[in-house]
Protein backbone atom coordinates (compact mmCIF):
# COMPACT_ATOMS: atom_id res chain seq x y z
CA MET A 1 -31.41 -10.16 39.65
CA GLN A 2 -28.75 -9.54 37.00
CA ASN A 3 -26.19 -8.52 39.64
CA MET A 4 -26.20 -11.69 41.71
CA PRO A 5 -22.56 -12.78 42.17
CA ARG A 6 -21.64 -16.16 40.79
CA GLY A 7 -21.47 -19.39 42.72
CA SER A 8 -21.67 -19.56 46.50
CA THR A 9 -20.40 -16.04 47.24
CA PHE A 10 -23.83 -14.49 47.83
CA PRO A 11 -25.79 -16.17 50.70
CA ILE A 12 -29.11 -14.49 49.85
CA LYS A 13 -29.42 -16.85 46.88
CA LYS A 14 -30.46 -19.50 49.40
CA VAL A 15 -33.93 -17.93 49.68
CA PHE A 16 -34.73 -18.76 46.05
CA ILE A 17 -36.52 -22.11 46.23
CA SER A 18 -38.95 -24.10 44.11
CA ARG A 19 -42.67 -23.38 43.95
CA PHE A 20 -43.24 -27.14 43.74
CA LYS A 21 -43.27 -29.52 46.68
CA GLU A 22 -39.77 -31.05 46.83
CA GLY A 23 -39.00 -29.26 43.59
CA GLN A 24 -35.49 -28.44 42.44
CA ILE A 25 -33.68 -25.45 40.99
CA ILE A 26 -31.59 -26.17 37.91
CA GLU A 27 -29.11 -23.68 36.46
CA ALA A 28 -27.64 -24.17 32.98
CA ASP A 29 -24.62 -21.94 32.50
CA PHE A 30 -22.62 -21.57 29.29
CA ALA A 31 -18.95 -22.42 29.77
CA GLN A 32 -16.73 -19.49 28.71
CA LEU A 33 -19.35 -18.33 26.21
CA GLU A 34 -17.84 -14.93 25.43
CA PHE A 35 -14.32 -16.34 24.98
CA ARG A 36 -15.67 -19.05 22.67
CA VAL A 37 -17.55 -16.41 20.66
CA ALA A 38 -14.36 -14.33 20.43
CA ALA A 39 -12.46 -17.44 19.32
CA PHE A 40 -14.99 -17.97 16.52
CA LEU A 41 -15.21 -14.34 15.40
CA SER A 42 -11.42 -13.95 15.32
CA GLN A 43 -10.69 -17.54 14.22
CA ASP A 44 -7.73 -17.49 16.58
CA PRO A 45 -6.17 -20.98 16.20
CA VAL A 46 -4.81 -21.08 19.76
CA ALA A 47 -8.15 -20.11 21.32
CA ILE A 48 -10.07 -22.58 19.14
CA LYS A 49 -7.64 -25.39 20.02
CA GLU A 50 -7.92 -24.67 23.74
CA VAL A 51 -11.73 -24.59 23.92
CA THR A 52 -11.97 -27.68 21.70
CA GLU A 53 -9.54 -29.68 23.83
CA GLY A 54 -10.85 -28.41 27.18
CA PHE A 55 -7.64 -26.63 28.19
CA ASP A 56 -7.82 -25.17 31.72
CA VAL A 57 -7.28 -21.48 30.92
CA HIS A 58 -7.79 -20.31 34.51
CA ALA A 59 -5.06 -22.61 35.84
CA TYR A 60 -2.82 -21.28 33.08
CA THR A 61 -3.54 -17.67 34.10
CA ALA A 62 -2.67 -18.52 37.70
CA LYS A 63 0.59 -20.09 36.54
CA VAL A 64 1.62 -17.06 34.44
CA ILE A 65 0.99 -14.64 37.32
CA SER A 66 2.56 -16.95 39.89
CA ASP A 67 5.66 -17.49 37.73
CA ALA A 68 5.96 -13.70 37.49
CA GLY A 69 6.37 -13.53 41.25
CA GLN A 70 2.86 -13.21 42.66
CA PRO A 71 1.43 -16.53 43.92
CA MET A 72 -2.17 -16.84 42.79
CA ALA A 73 -4.81 -19.57 43.07
CA ARG A 74 -6.92 -20.68 40.13
CA GLN A 75 -10.15 -19.21 41.54
CA GLU A 76 -8.51 -15.81 42.08
CA ALA A 77 -7.03 -15.91 38.57
CA LYS A 78 -10.50 -16.13 36.98
CA ALA A 79 -10.91 -12.38 37.40
CA HIS A 80 -7.98 -11.85 35.02
CA THR A 81 -8.29 -14.65 32.44
CA PHE A 82 -10.67 -12.98 29.99
CA ALA A 83 -10.40 -9.36 31.17
CA PRO A 84 -8.19 -8.36 28.18
CA LEU A 85 -11.03 -9.48 25.93
CA TYR A 86 -13.15 -6.65 27.31
CA GLY A 87 -10.54 -3.92 26.96
CA ALA A 88 -8.78 -4.31 30.31
CA THR A 89 -5.03 -3.67 30.35
CA GLY A 90 -2.18 -4.09 32.80
CA TYR A 91 -2.41 -0.43 33.78
CA GLY A 92 -2.83 0.01 37.55
CA ARG A 93 -2.19 -3.66 38.28
CA THR A 94 0.71 -5.35 40.00
CA PRO A 95 3.77 -6.08 37.80
CA ALA A 96 2.99 -9.81 37.85
CA GLU A 97 -0.64 -9.26 36.83
CA ALA A 98 0.39 -6.77 34.14
CA LYS A 99 2.65 -9.45 32.67
CA TYR A 100 -0.38 -11.68 32.08
CA TYR A 101 -2.24 -8.91 30.22
CA THR A 102 0.72 -8.48 27.87
CA HIS A 103 1.03 -12.25 27.55
CA PHE A 104 -2.66 -12.58 26.59
CA LEU A 105 -2.21 -10.57 23.40
CA GLU A 106 1.01 -12.41 22.59
CA LYS A 107 -0.63 -15.78 23.07
CA TYR A 108 -3.89 -15.00 21.26
CA GLN A 109 -2.45 -13.09 18.30
CA GLY A 110 -5.51 -13.90 16.22
CA ILE A 111 -7.74 -12.07 18.71
CA ALA A 112 -5.30 -9.15 18.91
CA ASN A 113 -5.19 -8.85 15.10
CA TRP A 114 -8.99 -9.10 14.92
CA HIS A 115 -9.25 -6.22 17.38
CA LYS A 116 -6.99 -4.13 15.11
CA CYS A 117 -9.12 -5.00 12.08
CA LEU A 118 -12.28 -3.98 13.94
CA ALA A 119 -10.72 -0.63 14.85
CA LYS A 120 -9.61 0.00 11.27
CA SER A 121 -13.07 -0.87 9.96
CA VAL A 122 -14.83 1.42 12.43
CA VAL A 123 -12.55 4.36 11.64
CA ARG A 124 -13.34 3.86 7.96
CA ASP A 125 -17.08 3.11 8.15
CA LYS A 126 -18.12 4.69 11.48
CA GLU A 127 -20.01 1.49 12.31
CA LEU A 128 -19.75 -2.23 12.94
CA GLY A 129 -22.08 -4.93 11.63
CA SER A 130 -22.69 -8.53 12.74
CA PHE A 131 -23.78 -11.53 10.68
CA THR A 132 -26.95 -11.72 12.83
CA GLY A 133 -28.00 -8.29 11.54
CA ARG A 134 -27.00 -6.02 14.41
CA ARG A 135 -25.31 -2.70 13.63
CA PHE A 136 -23.33 -0.51 16.02
CA ALA A 137 -22.74 3.13 15.13
CA PHE A 138 -19.56 5.01 16.13
CA PRO A 139 -20.10 8.44 14.50
CA HIS A 140 -17.49 10.16 16.65
CA VAL A 141 -14.68 7.60 16.50
CA GLU A 142 -11.22 9.02 15.84
CA ARG A 143 -7.70 7.76 15.25
CA LYS A 144 -5.46 9.28 17.95
CA ARG A 145 -1.90 10.52 17.45
CA ASP A 146 -0.42 7.41 19.05
CA GLY A 147 -2.24 5.21 16.51
CA SER A 148 -4.93 3.97 18.87
CA VAL A 149 -8.62 4.70 18.36
CA THR A 150 -11.29 6.15 20.62
CA TYR A 151 -14.06 3.83 21.86
CA PHE A 152 -11.67 0.87 21.48
CA THR A 153 -13.14 -0.96 24.49
CA GLN A 154 -16.65 -0.79 23.01
CA ILE A 155 -15.35 -1.75 19.55
CA LYS A 156 -13.81 -4.91 21.00
CA ASN A 157 -16.75 -5.60 23.30
CA TYR A 158 -19.89 -5.13 21.23
CA PRO A 159 -19.40 -7.92 18.64
CA VAL A 160 -18.67 -10.49 21.36
CA GLN A 161 -21.29 -9.41 23.91
CA SER A 162 -24.03 -9.04 21.32
CA LEU A 163 -23.57 -12.46 19.74
CA ALA A 164 -23.08 -14.20 23.09
CA THR A 165 -25.72 -12.66 25.36
CA ALA A 166 -28.06 -10.87 22.95
CA ASP A 167 -28.28 -13.63 20.32
CA ILE A 168 -27.15 -17.06 21.55
CA VAL A 169 -28.53 -16.92 25.12
CA PRO A 170 -32.00 -15.71 24.03
CA LEU A 171 -32.05 -18.41 21.36
CA LEU A 172 -31.34 -21.02 24.05
CA ILE A 173 -34.11 -19.56 26.23
CA VAL A 174 -36.65 -19.75 23.39
CA LEU A 175 -35.67 -23.34 22.53
CA VAL A 176 -35.91 -24.49 26.16
CA SER A 177 -39.15 -22.59 26.73
CA ASN A 178 -40.77 -24.20 23.68
CA ALA A 179 -39.59 -27.64 24.80
CA LEU A 180 -41.23 -27.14 28.22
CA ASP A 181 -44.73 -26.70 26.78
CA THR A 182 -45.81 -30.15 27.97
CA TYR A 183 -44.25 -29.81 31.43
CA GLU A 184 -45.13 -27.88 34.58
CA SER A 185 -41.47 -26.93 35.12
CA VAL A 186 -40.63 -23.40 33.98
CA ILE A 187 -37.79 -21.00 33.25
CA VAL A 188 -37.72 -18.42 36.06
CA ASN A 189 -34.65 -16.32 35.32
CA SER A 190 -31.74 -15.59 33.03
CA VAL A 191 -28.51 -14.08 34.32
CA HIS A 192 -25.86 -13.14 31.77
CA ASP A 193 -25.03 -16.46 30.08
CA SER A 194 -27.15 -18.79 32.19
CA ILE A 195 -30.79 -19.79 32.58
CA ILE A 196 -32.46 -20.89 35.82
CA LEU A 197 -35.35 -23.35 35.88
CA ASP A 198 -37.84 -24.26 38.59
CA VAL A 199 -38.31 -28.00 38.16
CA LYS A 200 -41.01 -30.27 39.51
CA LYS A 201 -39.61 -33.32 41.35
CA GLU A 202 -41.19 -35.82 38.96
CA GLU A 203 -39.83 -33.98 35.91
CA VAL A 204 -36.19 -33.56 36.92
CA ASP A 205 -34.78 -36.34 34.74
CA ASP A 206 -36.85 -35.27 31.74
CA ILE A 207 -35.84 -31.61 32.04
CA ILE A 208 -32.15 -32.51 32.24
CA LYS A 209 -32.54 -34.58 29.06
CA VAL A 210 -34.40 -31.73 27.34
CA VAL A 211 -31.65 -29.21 28.10
CA ARG A 212 -28.89 -31.63 27.10
CA SER A 213 -30.65 -32.37 23.83
CA ILE A 214 -30.95 -28.68 23.02
CA GLU A 215 -27.28 -28.17 23.97
CA GLY A 216 -26.29 -30.87 21.47
CA ASN A 217 -28.30 -29.26 18.67
CA LEU A 218 -27.75 -25.59 19.49
CA VAL A 219 -25.20 -24.98 16.74
CA ASN A 220 -27.60 -26.46 14.17
CA HIS A 221 -30.32 -24.08 15.38
CA MET A 222 -27.85 -21.19 15.07
CA LYS A 223 -26.95 -22.22 11.54
CA ALA A 224 -30.61 -22.40 10.55
CA ARG A 225 -31.50 -19.05 12.07
CA TRP A 226 -28.51 -17.03 10.87
CA VAL A 227 -27.53 -18.90 7.69
CA LEU A 228 -24.30 -19.84 9.41
CA GLU A 229 -22.21 -22.61 7.88
CA ASP A 230 -18.77 -22.50 9.45
CA TRP A 231 -19.23 -22.45 13.23
CA ASN A 232 -16.24 -24.44 14.52
CA VAL A 233 -16.22 -23.79 18.28
CA PRO A 234 -18.03 -26.12 20.73
CA LEU A 235 -20.71 -24.58 22.98
CA ILE A 236 -21.07 -26.29 26.35
CA LEU A 237 -23.59 -25.89 29.18
CA ASP A 238 -22.52 -26.55 32.76
CA MET A 239 -25.58 -27.69 34.73
CA LYS A 240 -26.18 -27.60 38.49
CA ILE A 241 -29.11 -28.68 40.65
CA GLY A 242 -30.17 -28.01 44.22
CA ASN A 243 -32.98 -27.37 46.69
CA ASN A 244 -32.21 -23.66 46.36
CA TRP A 245 -30.20 -21.35 44.09
CA LEU A 246 -27.20 -21.31 46.47
CA ASN A 247 -26.53 -24.89 47.48
CA MET A 248 -26.18 -26.68 44.17
CA THR A 249 -24.21 -29.64 42.86
CA GLU A 250 -23.01 -30.26 39.30
CA ILE A 251 -25.04 -32.57 37.12
């Protein structure tokens, strides 16, 4: 279930339908959750400005690659937009694509500097800690002759992935689950940074309001749970509804 491709690219998703007569499937999917978490953790001013203002980062990626000589559509560019965040580089890619990977670190210098600070900290302490209490051990990390460090992909990845999908998404699931106590509608799945609900026809409007209310107060719940005072990045849920998990329209 965790490997279902996004959107309408996997026809088998059409077989997932409601248990209720004329029921609906609702999916609430965080918008760019990992990038927003990275923006917060690094306090990169460019990244924070873009997510706050709703800048279309995928269209920008397509433009950078297209301007470098390789025409690319926005949808195709999505595979590249946040890849550098997870340790991907321009190695093995076309010259135009490689240009974007270099450009990413030039554009988001705050993220690039944060990555360097993480590496320095891990070499010194052999571990990473998060403000939610998680700790990641790197007992065998080493500084290489060229100045880079071993396990750099994991060092960049773990703080973002853990806060996004091991802390924030489960918190959302618990909040929504608790709010559904008086309804027959239920959460049926969670895939990466989204939750899927099976919703009774008569409860559709109420469930949408419940999820939107939790979305609006999610940062306050995070602050209360993790003694967090300075969260300055908006968290947004994109919601879709349909008769099955494949054919859905945005709410």
